[in-house]
Amino acid sequence: MLPIVVAVGIVDAVIQLVSGLVWAALLGTWTRAAAVVNAVLITAYTVPLVWLLAGDHFVNPEFHGFLDAAGGDLRGWLSTTLIAVLVLGGLWDIVDTARRAEQARRGIPAAVPGSGGGYDFG
């Protein structure tokens, strides 16, 4: 069960990083457009996965017997945990990217990983 949670978390993190950081690194700064594109990509990725998890369509039914071997509802716990990871991770990334874009708009330095820049005030 833990490897599945970790795998989905890693895939979620990679998509979030690529969607926001690649755009910002290419531009050299955070913009509102980058924040909007990031939010759209995160939503486009998260909503279908949450729908699949909530409807019990994500986990293979053959895997279901293994999960219920202990007599508990491990499939339900797995789905709930993955939904929480996806939603909280997505919200965190959307808010963080919007915050950085607003900082950049106001002229407050916001680091862009991979751009070679940093918190240069000069």
PDB file of N, CA and C in Angstrom:
ATOM      1  N   MET A   1       0.828  -1.182   0.000  1.00  0.00           N
ATOM      2  CA  MET A   1       0.000   0.000   0.000  1.00  0.00           C
ATOM      3  C   MET A   1       0.877   1.253   0.000  1.00  0.00           C
ATOM      4  N   LEU A   2       1.895   1.294   0.820  1.00  0.00           N
ATOM      5  CA  LEU A   2       2.752   2.470   0.904  1.00  0.00           C
ATOM      6  C   LEU A   2       3.455   2.776  -0.417  1.00  0.00           C
ATOM      7  N   PRO A   3       3.939   1.771  -1.168  1.00  0.00           N
ATOM      8  CA  PRO A   3       4.567   2.096  -2.452  1.00  0.00           C
ATOM      9  C   PRO A   3       3.607   2.786  -3.427  1.00  0.00           C
ATOM     10  N   ILE A   4       2.333   2.428  -3.394  1.00  0.00           N
ATOM     11  CA  ILE A   4       1.359   3.068  -4.283  1.00  0.00           C
ATOM     12  C   ILE A   4       1.174   4.521  -3.888  1.00  0.00           C
ATOM     13  N   VAL A   5       1.050   4.790  -2.592  1.00  0.00           N
ATOM     14  CA  VAL A   5       0.889   6.160  -2.106  1.00  0.00           C
ATOM     15  C   VAL A   5       2.113   6.987  -2.483  1.00  0.00           C
ATOM     16  N   VAL A   6       3.281   6.428  -2.298  1.00  0.00           N
ATOM     17  CA  VAL A   6       4.522   7.132  -2.625  1.00  0.00           C
ATOM     18  C   VAL A   6       4.612   7.374  -4.130  1.00  0.00           C
ATOM     19  N   ALA A   7       4.263   6.385  -4.944  1.00  0.00           N
ATOM     20  CA  ALA A   7       4.335   6.528  -6.398  1.00  0.00           C
ATOM     21  C   ALA A   7       3.394   7.624  -6.897  1.00  0.00           C
ATOM     22  N   VAL A   8       2.169   7.637  -6.415  1.00  0.00           N
ATOM     23  CA  VAL A   8       1.222   8.672  -6.838  1.00  0.00           C
ATOM     24  C   VAL A   8       1.695  10.038  -6.357  1.00  0.00           C
ATOM     25  N   GLY A   9       2.236  10.108  -5.150  1.00  0.00           N
ATOM     26  CA  GLY A   9       2.769  11.372  -4.642  1.00  0.00           C
ATOM     27  C   GLY A   9       3.922  11.881  -5.476  1.00  0.00           C
ATOM     28  N   ILE A  10       4.796  10.978  -5.906  1.00  0.00           N
ATOM     29  CA  ILE A  10       5.940  11.373  -6.731  1.00  0.00           C
ATOM     30  C   ILE A  10       5.475  11.856  -8.100  1.00  0.00           C
ATOM     31  N   VAL A  11       4.552  11.137  -8.720  1.00  0.00           N
ATOM     32  CA  VAL A  11       4.022  11.555 -10.024  1.00  0.00           C
ATOM     33  C   VAL A  11       3.349  12.915  -9.897  1.00  0.00           C
ATOM     34  N   ASP A  12       2.579  13.108  -8.845  1.00  0.00           N
ATOM     35  CA  ASP A  12       1.907  14.383  -8.598  1.00  0.00           C
ATOM     36  C   ASP A  12       2.931  15.502  -8.445  1.00  0.00           C
ATOM     37  N   ALA A  13       3.973  15.270  -7.683  1.00  0.00           N
ATOM     38  CA  ALA A  13       5.002  16.292  -7.462  1.00  0.00           C
ATOM     39  C   ALA A  13       5.737  16.626  -8.755  1.00  0.00           C
ATOM     40  N   VAL A  14       6.056  15.621  -9.561  1.00  0.00           N
ATOM     41  CA  VAL A  14       6.771  15.860 -10.814  1.00  0.00           C
ATOM     42  C   VAL A  14       5.923  16.706 -11.758  1.00  0.00           C
ATOM     43  N   ILE A  15       4.652  16.373 -11.900  1.00  0.00           N
ATOM     44  CA  ILE A  15       3.785  17.150 -12.794  1.00  0.00           C
ATOM     45  C   ILE A  15       3.634  18.576 -12.287  1.00  0.00           C
ATOM     46  N   GLN A  16       3.505  18.752 -10.982  1.00  0.00           N
ATOM     47  CA  GLN A  16       3.391  20.098 -10.428  1.00  0.00           C
ATOM     48  C   GLN A  16       4.663  20.894 -10.672  1.00  0.00           C
ATOM     49  N   LEU A  17       5.807  20.279 -10.449  1.00  0.00           N
ATOM     50  CA  LEU A  17       7.075  20.979 -10.662  1.00  0.00           C
ATOM     51  C   LEU A  17       7.275  21.358 -12.122  1.00  0.00           C
ATOM     52  N   VAL A  18       7.005  20.418 -13.012  1.00  0.00           N
ATOM     53  CA  VAL A  18       7.206  20.681 -14.429  1.00  0.00           C
ATOM     54  C   VAL A  18       6.260  21.774 -14.910  1.00  0.00           C
ATOM     55  N   SER A  19       5.005  21.722 -14.486  1.00  0.00           N
ATOM     56  CA  SER A  19       4.028  22.684 -14.974  1.00  0.00           C
ATOM     57  C   SER A  19       4.373  24.105 -14.563  1.00  0.00           C
ATOM     58  N   GLY A  20       4.871  24.310 -13.364  1.00  0.00           N
ATOM     59  CA  GLY A  20       5.188  25.653 -12.913  1.00  0.00           C
ATOM     60  C   GLY A  20       6.621  26.057 -13.156  1.00  0.00           C
ATOM     61  N   LEU A  21       7.550  25.175 -12.856  1.00  0.00           N
ATOM     62  CA  LEU A  21       8.956  25.555 -12.886  1.00  0.00           C
ATOM     63  C   LEU A  21       9.525  25.694 -14.284  1.00  0.00           C
ATOM     64  N   VAL A  22       9.102  24.859 -15.211  1.00  0.00           N
ATOM     65  CA  VAL A  22       9.648  24.960 -16.561  1.00  0.00           C
ATOM     66  C   VAL A  22       9.256  26.299 -17.175  1.00  0.00           C
ATOM     67  N   TRP A  23       7.995  26.659 -17.029  1.00  0.00           N
ATOM     68  CA  TRP A  23       7.534  27.925 -17.582  1.00  0.00           C
ATOM     69  C   TRP A  23       8.289  29.090 -16.930  1.00  0.00           C
ATOM     70  N   ALA A  24       8.357  29.082 -15.620  1.00  0.00           N
ATOM     71  CA  ALA A  24       9.024  30.178 -14.908  1.00  0.00           C
ATOM     72  C   ALA A  24      10.518  30.218 -15.229  1.00  0.00           C
ATOM     73  N   ALA A  25      11.147  29.078 -15.373  1.00  0.00           N
ATOM     74  CA  ALA A  25      12.574  29.053 -15.698  1.00  0.00           C
ATOM     75  C   ALA A  25      12.823  29.589 -17.107  1.00  0.00           C
ATOM     76  N   LEU A  26      11.933  29.293 -18.033  1.00  0.00           N
ATOM     77  CA  LEU A  26      12.090  29.810 -19.388  1.00  0.00           C
ATOM     78  C   LEU A  26      11.926  31.321 -19.431  1.00  0.00           C
ATOM     79  N   LEU A  27      10.986  31.840 -18.653  1.00  0.00           N
ATOM     80  CA  LEU A  27      10.749  33.279 -18.622  1.00  0.00           C
ATOM     81  C   LEU A  27      11.746  34.003 -17.720  1.00  0.00           C
ATOM     82  N   GLY A  28      12.281  33.298 -16.740  1.00  0.00           N
ATOM     83  CA  GLY A  28      13.199  33.906 -15.786  1.00  0.00           C
ATOM     84  C   GLY A  28      12.502  34.599 -14.635  1.00  0.00           C
ATOM     85  N   THR A  29      11.194  34.538 -14.613  1.00  0.00           N
ATOM     86  CA  THR A  29      10.420  35.147 -13.529  1.00  0.00           C
ATOM     87  C   THR A  29       9.058  34.463 -13.445  1.00  0.00           C
ATOM     88  N   TRP A  30       8.373  34.695 -12.368  1.00  0.00           N
ATOM     89  CA  TRP A  30       7.017  34.179 -12.210  1.00  0.00           C
ATOM     90  C   TRP A  30       6.050  35.221 -12.762  1.00  0.00           C
ATOM     91  N   THR A  31       5.046  34.778 -13.488  1.00  0.00           N
ATOM     92  CA  THR A  31       4.040  35.685 -14.023  1.00  0.00           C
ATOM     93  C   THR A  31       2.661  35.173 -13.664  1.00  0.00           C
ATOM     94  N   ARG A  32       1.665  36.054 -13.833  1.00  0.00           N
ATOM     95  CA  ARG A  32       0.288  35.613 -13.591  1.00  0.00           C
ATOM     96  C   ARG A  32      -0.115  34.534 -14.595  1.00  0.00           C
ATOM     97  N   ALA A  33       0.346  34.670 -15.833  1.00  0.00           N
ATOM     98  CA  ALA A  33       0.023  33.660 -16.846  1.00  0.00           C
ATOM     99  C   ALA A  33       0.597  32.302 -16.449  1.00  0.00           C
ATOM    100  N   ALA A  34       1.820  32.291 -15.934  1.00  0.00           N
ATOM    101  CA  ALA A  34       2.417  31.035 -15.479  1.00  0.00           C
ATOM    102  C   ALA A  34       1.610  30.446 -14.327  1.00  0.00           C
ATOM    103  N   ALA A  35       1.129  31.307 -13.426  1.00  0.00           N
ATOM    104  CA  ALA A  35       0.329  30.835 -12.299  1.00  0.00           C
ATOM    105  C   ALA A  35      -1.001  30.255 -12.783  1.00  0.00           C
ATOM    106  N   VAL A  36      -1.608  30.889 -13.779  1.00  0.00           N
ATOM    107  CA  VAL A  36      -2.889  30.389 -14.306  1.00  0.00           C
ATOM    108  C   VAL A  36      -2.684  29.064 -15.034  1.00  0.00           C
ATOM    109  N   VAL A  37      -1.650  28.980 -15.867  1.00  0.00           N
ATOM    110  CA  VAL A  37      -1.370  27.725 -16.578  1.00  0.00           C
ATOM    111  C   VAL A  37      -1.070  26.617 -15.577  1.00  0.00           C
ATOM    112  N   ASN A  38      -0.315  26.937 -14.549  1.00  0.00           N
ATOM    113  CA  ASN A  38      -0.010  25.960 -13.504  1.00  0.00           C
ATOM    114  C   ASN A  38      -1.296  25.466 -12.849  1.00  0.00           C
ATOM    115  N   ALA A  39      -2.186  26.380 -12.499  1.00  0.00           N
ATOM    116  CA  ALA A  39      -3.449  25.994 -11.853  1.00  0.00           C
ATOM    117  C   ALA A  39      -4.304  25.124 -12.774  1.00  0.00           C
ATOM    118  N   VAL A  40      -4.339  25.465 -14.048  1.00  0.00           N
ATOM    119  CA  VAL A  40      -5.128  24.671 -15.007  1.00  0.00           C
ATOM    120  C   VAL A  40      -4.545  23.263 -15.141  1.00  0.00           C
ATOM    121  N   LEU A  41      -3.216  23.162 -15.252  1.00  0.00           N
ATOM    122  CA  LEU A  41      -2.591  21.844 -15.387  1.00  0.00           C
ATOM    123  C   LEU A  41      -2.775  20.996 -14.132  1.00  0.00           C
ATOM    124  N   ILE A  42      -2.636  21.612 -12.974  1.00  0.00           N
ATOM    125  CA  ILE A  42      -2.820  20.876 -11.721  1.00  0.00           C
ATOM    126  C   ILE A  42      -4.252  20.384 -11.626  1.00  0.00           C
ATOM    127  N   THR A  43      -5.195  21.243 -11.966  1.00  0.00           N
ATOM    128  CA  THR A  43      -6.611  20.856 -11.913  1.00  0.00           C
ATOM    129  C   THR A  43      -6.911  19.758 -12.928  1.00  0.00           C
ATOM    130  N   ALA A  44      -6.366  19.895 -14.140  1.00  0.00           N
ATOM    131  CA  ALA A  44      -6.599  18.885 -15.180  1.00  0.00           C
ATOM    132  C   ALA A  44      -6.026  17.530 -14.792  1.00  0.00           C
ATOM    133  N   TYR A  45      -4.984  17.528 -13.989  1.00  0.00           N
ATOM    134  CA  TYR A  45      -4.380  16.276 -13.537  1.00  0.00           C
ATOM    135  C   TYR A  45      -5.100  15.717 -12.312  1.00  0.00           C
ATOM    136  N   THR A  46      -5.452  16.579 -11.381  1.00  0.00           N
ATOM    137  CA  THR A  46      -5.988  16.139 -10.097  1.00  0.00           C
ATOM    138  C   THR A  46      -7.444  15.687 -10.178  1.00  0.00           C
ATOM    139  N   VAL A  47      -8.282  16.429 -10.887  1.00  0.00           N
ATOM    140  CA  VAL A  47      -9.718  16.118 -10.912  1.00  0.00           C
ATOM    141  C   VAL A  47     -10.005  14.710 -11.434  1.00  0.00           C
ATOM    142  N   PRO A  48      -9.431  14.289 -12.578  1.00  0.00           N
ATOM    143  CA  PRO A  48      -9.716  12.923 -13.029  1.00  0.00           C
ATOM    144  C   PRO A  48      -9.228  11.847 -12.050  1.00  0.00           C
ATOM    145  N   LEU A  49      -8.057  12.079 -11.446  1.00  0.00           N
ATOM    146  CA  LEU A  49      -7.561  11.084 -10.494  1.00  0.00           C
ATOM    147  C   LEU A  49      -8.435  11.003  -9.251  1.00  0.00           C
ATOM    148  N   VAL A  50      -8.873  12.151  -8.758  1.00  0.00           N
ATOM    149  CA  VAL A  50      -9.768  12.144  -7.594  1.00  0.00           C
ATOM    150  C   VAL A  50     -11.084  11.463  -7.957  1.00  0.00           C
ATOM    151  N   TRP A  51     -11.589  11.721  -9.161  1.00  0.00           N
ATOM    152  CA  TRP A  51     -12.834  11.078  -9.604  1.00  0.00           C
ATOM    153  C   TRP A  51     -12.662   9.558  -9.665  1.00  0.00           C
ATOM    154  N   LEU A  52     -11.549   9.102 -10.217  1.00  0.00           N
ATOM    155  CA  LEU A  52     -11.292   7.657 -10.280  1.00  0.00           C
ATOM    156  C   LEU A  52     -11.153   7.054  -8.888  1.00  0.00           C
ATOM    157  N   LEU A  53     -10.437   7.728  -8.010  1.00  0.00           N
ATOM    158  CA  LEU A  53     -10.251   7.217  -6.656  1.00  0.00           C
ATOM    159  C   LEU A  53     -11.546   7.213  -5.861  1.00  0.00           C
ATOM    160  N   ALA A  54     -12.330   8.271  -5.988  1.00  0.00           N
ATOM    161  CA  ALA A  54     -13.582   8.365  -5.234  1.00  0.00           C
ATOM    162  C   ALA A  54     -14.605   7.336  -5.718  1.00  0.00           C
ATOM    163  N   GLY A  55     -14.548   7.000  -7.005  1.00  0.00           N
ATOM    164  CA  GLY A  55     -15.484   6.023  -7.562  1.00  0.00           C
ATOM    165  C   GLY A  55     -14.978   4.596  -7.508  1.00  0.00           C
ATOM    166  N   ASP A  56     -13.863   4.344  -6.836  1.00  0.00           N
ATOM    167  CA  ASP A  56     -13.253   3.021  -6.739  1.00  0.00           C
ATOM    168  C   ASP A  56     -12.925   2.415  -8.106  1.00  0.00           C
ATOM    169  N   HIS A  57     -12.511   3.257  -9.042  1.00  0.00           N
ATOM    170  CA  HIS A  57     -12.120   2.789 -10.368  1.00  0.00           C
ATOM    171  C   HIS A  57     -10.613   2.833 -10.571  1.00  0.00           C
ATOM    172  N   PHE A  58      -9.864   3.283  -9.585  1.00  0.00           N
ATOM    173  CA  PHE A  58      -8.424   3.454  -9.730  1.00  0.00           C
ATOM    174  C   PHE A  58      -7.671   2.166  -9.431  1.00  0.00           C
ATOM    175  N   VAL A  59      -8.085   1.465  -8.402  1.00  0.00           N
ATOM    176  CA  VAL A  59      -7.396   0.243  -7.979  1.00  0.00           C
ATOM    177  C   VAL A  59      -7.995  -0.952  -8.713  1.00  0.00           C
ATOM    178  N   ASN A  60      -7.143  -1.784  -9.260  1.00  0.00           N
ATOM    179  CA  ASN A  60      -7.565  -2.982  -9.972  1.00  0.00           C
ATOM    180  C   ASN A  60      -8.363  -3.891  -9.040  1.00  0.00           C
ATOM    181  N   PRO A  61      -9.525  -4.411  -9.484  1.00  0.00           N
ATOM    182  CA  PRO A  61     -10.321  -5.295  -8.629  1.00  0.00           C
ATOM    183  C   PRO A  61      -9.561  -6.549  -8.176  1.00  0.00           C
ATOM    184  N   GLU A  62      -8.615  -7.041  -8.964  1.00  0.00           N
ATOM    185  CA  GLU A  62      -7.819  -8.193  -8.560  1.00  0.00           C
ATOM    186  C   GLU A  62      -6.936  -7.840  -7.364  1.00  0.00           C
ATOM    187  N   PHE A  63      -6.547  -6.600  -7.287  1.00  0.00           N
ATOM    188  CA  PHE A  63      -5.740  -6.128  -6.171  1.00  0.00           C
ATOM    189  C   PHE A  63      -6.604  -5.970  -4.925  1.00  0.00           C
ATOM    190  N   HIS A  64      -7.893  -5.872  -5.112  1.00  0.00           N
ATOM    191  CA  HIS A  64      -8.841  -5.658  -4.012  1.00  0.00           C
ATOM    192  C   HIS A  64      -8.800  -6.806  -3.000  1.00  0.00           C
ATOM    193  N   GLY A  65      -8.695  -8.036  -3.488  1.00  0.00           N
ATOM    194  CA  GLY A  65      -8.643  -9.176  -2.574  1.00  0.00           C
ATOM    195  C   GLY A  65      -7.437  -9.125  -1.664  1.00  0.00           C
ATOM    196  N   PHE A  66      -6.332  -8.681  -2.192  1.00  0.00           N
ATOM    197  CA  PHE A  66      -5.121  -8.554  -1.386  1.00  0.00           C
ATOM    198  C   PHE A  66      -5.296  -7.483  -0.311  1.00  0.00           C
ATOM    199  N   LEU A  67      -5.949  -6.390  -0.675  1.00  0.00           N
ATOM    200  CA  LEU A  67      -6.132  -5.293   0.274  1.00  0.00           C
ATOM    201  C   LEU A  67      -7.082  -5.654   1.409  1.00  0.00           C
ATOM    202  N   ASP A  68      -8.052  -6.523   1.143  1.00  0.00           N
ATOM    203  CA  ASP A  68      -9.012  -6.896   2.175  1.00  0.00           C
ATOM    204  C   ASP A  68      -8.597  -8.145   2.946  1.00  0.00           C
ATOM    205  N   ALA A  69      -7.374  -8.600   2.758  1.00  0.00           N
ATOM    206  CA  ALA A  69      -6.916  -9.822   3.413  1.00  0.00           C
ATOM    207  C   ALA A  69      -6.948  -9.710   4.929  1.00  0.00           C
ATOM    208  N   ALA A  70      -6.710  -8.536   5.464  1.00  0.00           N
ATOM    209  CA  ALA A  70      -6.683  -8.350   6.916  1.00  0.00           C
ATOM    210  C   ALA A  70      -8.081  -8.131   7.493  1.00  0.00           C
ATOM    211  N   GLY A  71      -9.089  -8.065   6.643  1.00  0.00           N
ATOM    212  CA  GLY A  71     -10.458  -7.878   7.106  1.00  0.00           C
ATOM    213  C   GLY A  71     -10.849  -6.426   7.266  1.00  0.00           C
ATOM    214  N   GLY A  72      -9.949  -5.505   6.985  1.00  0.00           N
ATOM    215  CA  GLY A  72     -10.256  -4.076   7.096  1.00  0.00           C
ATOM    216  C   GLY A  72     -10.555  -3.488   5.738  1.00  0.00           C
ATOM    217  N   ASP A  73     -10.877  -2.227   5.728  1.00  0.00           N
ATOM    218  CA  ASP A  73     -11.179  -1.521   4.489  1.00  0.00           C
ATOM    219  C   ASP A  73      -9.934  -0.779   4.005  1.00  0.00           C
ATOM    220  N   LEU A  74      -8.901  -1.527   3.654  1.00  0.00           N
ATOM    221  CA  LEU A  74      -7.666  -0.905   3.221  1.00  0.00           C
ATOM    222  C   LEU A  74      -7.821  -0.176   1.899  1.00  0.00           C
ATOM    223  N   ARG A  75      -8.717  -0.669   1.042  1.00  0.00           N
ATOM    224  CA  ARG A  75      -8.950   0.004  -0.238  1.00  0.00           C
ATOM    225  C   ARG A  75      -9.524   1.397  -0.009  1.00  0.00           C
ATOM    226  N   GLY A  76     -10.434   1.509   0.941  1.00  0.00           N
ATOM    227  CA  GLY A  76     -11.002   2.813   1.276  1.00  0.00           C
ATOM    228  C   GLY A  76      -9.962   3.754   1.861  1.00  0.00           C
ATOM    229  N   TRP A  77      -9.129   3.223   2.742  1.00  0.00           N
ATOM    230  CA  TRP A  77      -8.061   4.032   3.326  1.00  0.00           C
ATOM    231  C   TRP A  77      -7.063   4.475   2.263  1.00  0.00           C
ATOM    232  N   LEU A  78      -6.731   3.575   1.360  1.00  0.00           N
ATOM    233  CA  LEU A  78      -5.806   3.898   0.285  1.00  0.00           C
ATOM    234  C   LEU A  78      -6.367   5.014  -0.590  1.00  0.00           C
ATOM    235  N   SER A  79      -7.629   4.889  -0.980  1.00  0.00           N
ATOM    236  CA  SER A  79      -8.262   5.914  -1.814  1.00  0.00           C
ATOM    237  C   SER A  79      -8.315   7.254  -1.093  1.00  0.00           C
ATOM    238  N   THR A  80      -8.700   7.237   0.174  1.00  0.00           N
ATOM    239  CA  THR A  80      -8.791   8.474   0.947  1.00  0.00           C
ATOM    240  C   THR A  80      -7.425   9.138   1.095  1.00  0.00           C
ATOM    241  N   THR A  81      -6.409   8.343   1.367  1.00  0.00           N
ATOM    242  CA  THR A  81      -5.058   8.885   1.513  1.00  0.00           C
ATOM    243  C   THR A  81      -4.571   9.496   0.210  1.00  0.00           C
ATOM    244  N   LEU A  82      -4.782   8.798  -0.901  1.00  0.00           N
ATOM    245  CA  LEU A  82      -4.338   9.317  -2.192  1.00  0.00           C
ATOM    246  C   LEU A  82      -5.095  10.581  -2.575  1.00  0.00           C
ATOM    247  N   ILE A  83      -6.394  10.637  -2.300  1.00  0.00           N
ATOM    248  CA  ILE A  83      -7.179  11.844  -2.578  1.00  0.00           C
ATOM    249  C   ILE A  83      -6.630  13.012  -1.767  1.00  0.00           C
ATOM    250  N   ALA A  84      -6.328  12.771  -0.501  1.00  0.00           N
ATOM    251  CA  ALA A  84      -5.782  13.837   0.351  1.00  0.00           C
ATOM    252  C   ALA A  84      -4.439  14.321  -0.179  1.00  0.00           C
ATOM    253  N   VAL A  85      -3.569  13.389  -0.575  1.00  0.00           N
ATOM    254  CA  VAL A  85      -2.254  13.768  -1.114  1.00  0.00           C
ATOM    255  C   VAL A  85      -2.419  14.601  -2.379  1.00  0.00           C
ATOM    256  N   LEU A  86      -3.288  14.181  -3.267  1.00  0.00           N
ATOM    257  CA  LEU A  86      -3.484  14.893  -4.525  1.00  0.00           C
ATOM    258  C   LEU A  86      -4.072  16.282  -4.316  1.00  0.00           C
ATOM    259  N   VAL A  87      -5.124  16.373  -3.511  1.00  0.00           N
ATOM    260  CA  VAL A  87      -5.799  17.659  -3.317  1.00  0.00           C
ATOM    261  C   VAL A  87      -4.922  18.633  -2.539  1.00  0.00           C
ATOM    262  N   LEU A  88      -4.349  18.183  -1.440  1.00  0.00           N
ATOM    263  CA  LEU A  88      -3.511  19.079  -0.639  1.00  0.00           C
ATOM    264  C   LEU A  88      -2.247  19.491  -1.391  1.00  0.00           C
ATOM    265  N   GLY A  89      -1.630  18.546  -2.087  1.00  0.00           N
ATOM    266  CA  GLY A  89      -0.443  18.873  -2.875  1.00  0.00           C
ATOM    267  C   GLY A  89      -0.764  19.847  -3.997  1.00  0.00           C
ATOM    268  N   GLY A  90      -1.879  19.644  -4.665  1.00  0.00           N
ATOM    269  CA  GLY A  90      -2.285  20.551  -5.739  1.00  0.00           C
ATOM    270  C   GLY A  90      -2.602  21.941  -5.229  1.00  0.00           C
ATOM    271  N   LEU A  91      -3.339  22.020  -4.132  1.00  0.00           N
ATOM    272  CA  LEU A  91      -3.666  23.325  -3.552  1.00  0.00           C
ATOM    273  C   LEU A  91      -2.410  24.051  -3.101  1.00  0.00           C
ATOM    274  N   TRP A  92      -1.505  23.323  -2.479  1.00  0.00           N
ATOM    275  CA  TRP A  92      -0.250  23.931  -2.030  1.00  0.00           C
ATOM    276  C   TRP A  92       0.496  24.535  -3.219  1.00  0.00           C
ATOM    277  N   ASP A  93       0.619  23.781  -4.298  1.00  0.00           N
ATOM    278  CA  ASP A  93       1.364  24.257  -5.448  1.00  0.00           C
ATOM    279  C   ASP A  93       0.677  25.452  -6.106  1.00  0.00           C
ATOM    280  N   ILE A  94      -0.641  25.428  -6.230  1.00  0.00           N
ATOM    281  CA  ILE A  94      -1.372  26.545  -6.834  1.00  0.00           C
ATOM    282  C   ILE A  94      -1.193  27.809  -6.005  1.00  0.00           C
ATOM    283  N   VAL A  95      -1.346  27.698  -4.693  1.00  0.00           N
ATOM    284  CA  VAL A  95      -1.205  28.868  -3.819  1.00  0.00           C
ATOM    285  C   VAL A  95       0.234  29.377  -3.834  1.00  0.00           C
ATOM    286  N   ASP A  96       1.203  28.483  -3.780  1.00  0.00           N
ATOM    287  CA  ASP A  96       2.604  28.893  -3.774  1.00  0.00           C
ATOM    288  C   ASP A  96       2.980  29.592  -5.078  1.00  0.00           C
ATOM    289  N   THR A  97       2.527  29.064  -6.207  1.00  0.00           N
ATOM    290  CA  THR A  97       2.832  29.684  -7.490  1.00  0.00           C
ATOM    291  C   THR A  97       2.152  31.041  -7.613  1.00  0.00           C
ATOM    292  N   ALA A  98       0.914  31.155  -7.165  1.00  0.00           N
ATOM    293  CA  ALA A  98       0.219  32.448  -7.199  1.00  0.00           C
ATOM    294  C   ALA A  98       0.929  33.465  -6.308  1.00  0.00           C
ATOM    295  N   ARG A  99       1.413  33.030  -5.148  1.00  0.00           N
ATOM    296  CA  ARG A  99       2.133  33.914  -4.236  1.00  0.00           C
ATOM    297  C   ARG A  99       3.432  34.411  -4.881  1.00  0.00           C
ATOM    298  N   ARG A 100       4.147  33.512  -5.522  1.00  0.00           N
ATOM    299  CA  ARG A 100       5.396  33.908  -6.177  1.00  0.00           C
ATOM    300  C   ARG A 100       5.138  34.848  -7.349  1.00  0.00           C
ATOM    301  N   ALA A 101       4.078  34.594  -8.100  1.00  0.00           N
ATOM    302  CA  ALA A 101       3.743  35.479  -9.219  1.00  0.00           C
ATOM    303  C   ALA A 101       3.386  36.872  -8.711  1.00  0.00           C
ATOM    304  N   GLU A 102       2.655  36.943  -7.631  1.00  0.00           N
ATOM    305  CA  GLU A 102       2.299  38.244  -7.063  1.00  0.00           C
ATOM    306  C   GLU A 102       3.530  38.960  -6.517  1.00  0.00           C
ATOM    307  N   GLN A 103       4.438  38.230  -5.904  1.00  0.00           N
ATOM    308  CA  GLN A 103       5.685  38.838  -5.430  1.00  0.00           C
ATOM    309  C   GLN A 103       6.482  39.415  -6.604  1.00  0.00           C
ATOM    310  N   ALA A 104       6.572  38.657  -7.682  1.00  0.00           N
ATOM    311  CA  ALA A 104       7.318  39.119  -8.848  1.00  0.00           C
ATOM    312  C   ALA A 104       6.647  40.343  -9.468  1.00  0.00           C
ATOM    313  N   ARG A 105       5.332  40.365  -9.487  1.00  0.00           N
ATOM    314  CA  ARG A 105       4.604  41.509 -10.045  1.00  0.00           C
ATOM    315  C   ARG A 105       4.865  42.770  -9.232  1.00  0.00           C
ATOM    316  N   ARG A 106       4.983  42.619  -7.933  1.00  0.00           N
ATOM    317  CA  ARG A 106       5.230  43.759  -7.052  1.00  0.00           C
ATOM    318  C   ARG A 106       6.708  44.144  -6.996  1.00  0.00           C
ATOM    319  N   GLY A 107       7.560  43.392  -7.649  1.00  0.00           N
ATOM    320  CA  GLY A 107       8.980  43.694  -7.649  1.00  0.00           C
ATOM    321  C   GLY A 107       9.740  43.092  -6.481  1.00  0.00           C
ATOM    322  N   ILE A 108       9.076  42.237  -5.713  1.00  0.00           N
ATOM    323  CA  ILE A 108       9.721  41.548  -4.601  1.00  0.00           C
ATOM    324  C   ILE A 108      10.404  40.311  -5.171  1.00  0.00           C
ATOM    325  N   PRO A 109      11.688  40.123  -4.917  1.00  0.00           N
ATOM    326  CA  PRO A 109      12.390  38.975  -5.500  1.00  0.00           C
ATOM    327  C   PRO A 109      11.753  37.647  -5.096  1.00  0.00           C
ATOM    328  N   ALA A 110      11.542  36.815  -6.092  1.00  0.00           N
ATOM    329  CA  ALA A 110      11.034  35.461  -5.874  1.00  0.00           C
ATOM    330  C   ALA A 110      11.932  34.527  -6.670  1.00  0.00           C
ATOM    331  N   ALA A 111      12.577  33.611  -5.994  1.00  0.00           N
ATOM    332  CA  ALA A 111      13.526  32.716  -6.649  1.00  0.00           C
ATOM    333  C   ALA A 111      12.829  31.835  -7.674  1.00  0.00           C
ATOM    334  N   VAL A 112      13.473  31.666  -8.808  1.00  0.00           N
ATOM    335  CA  VAL A 112      12.993  30.761  -9.844  1.00  0.00           C
ATOM    336  C   VAL A 112      14.025  29.658  -9.983  1.00  0.00           C
ATOM    337  N   PRO A 113      13.738  28.461  -9.474  1.00  0.00           N
ATOM    338  CA  PRO A 113      14.705  27.376  -9.576  1.00  0.00           C
ATOM    339  C   PRO A 113      15.070  27.086 -11.021  1.00  0.00           C
ATOM    340  N   GLY A 114      16.344  26.917 -11.267  1.00  0.00           N
ATOM    341  CA  GLY A 114      16.808  26.573 -12.599  1.00  0.00           C
ATOM    342  C   GLY A 114      17.081  27.759 -13.498  1.00  0.00           C
ATOM    343  N   SER A 115      16.795  28.973 -13.038  1.00  0.00           N
ATOM    344  CA  SER A 115      16.990  30.142 -13.895  1.00  0.00           C
ATOM    345  C   SER A 115      18.365  30.763 -13.698  1.00  0.00           C
ATOM    346  N   GLY A 116      19.110  30.297 -12.706  1.00  0.00           N
ATOM    347  CA  GLY A 116      20.401  30.880 -12.423  1.00  0.00           C
ATOM    348  C   GLY A 116      20.294  32.117 -11.556  1.00  0.00           C
ATOM    349  N   GLY A 117      19.097  32.612 -11.398  1.00  0.00           N
ATOM    350  CA  GLY A 117      18.870  33.785 -10.561  1.00  0.00           C
ATOM    351  C   GLY A 117      18.630  33.376  -9.126  1.00  0.00           C
ATOM    352  N   GLY A 118      18.395  34.306  -8.333  1.00  0.00           N
ATOM    353  CA  GLY A 118      18.132  34.031  -6.921  1.00  0.00           C
ATOM    354  C   GLY A 118      17.414  35.192  -6.312  1.00  0.00           C
ATOM    355  N   TYR A 119      17.777  35.514  -5.125  1.00  0.00           N
ATOM    356  CA  TYR A 119      17.168  36.615  -4.423  1.00  0.00           C
ATOM    357  C   TYR A 119      18.026  37.864  -4.580  1.00  0.00           C
ATOM    358  N   ASP A 120      18.317  38.223  -5.810  1.00  0.00           N
ATOM    359  CA  ASP A 120      19.183  39.355  -6.107  1.00  0.00           C
ATOM    360  C   ASP A 120      18.379  40.641  -6.029  1.00  0.00           C
ATOM    361  N   PHE A 121      18.761  41.517  -5.123  1.00  0.00           N
ATOM    362  CA  PHE A 121      18.054  42.771  -4.952  1.00  0.00           C
ATOM    363  C   PHE A 121      18.637  43.897  -5.820  1.00  0.00           C
ATOM    364  N   GLY A 122      19.691  43.607  -6.546  1.00  0.00           N
ATOM    365  CA  GLY A 122      20.361  44.669  -7.303  1.00  0.00           C
ATOM    366  C   GLY A 122      20.162  44.579  -8.732  1.00  0.00           C
TER     367      GLY A 122
END
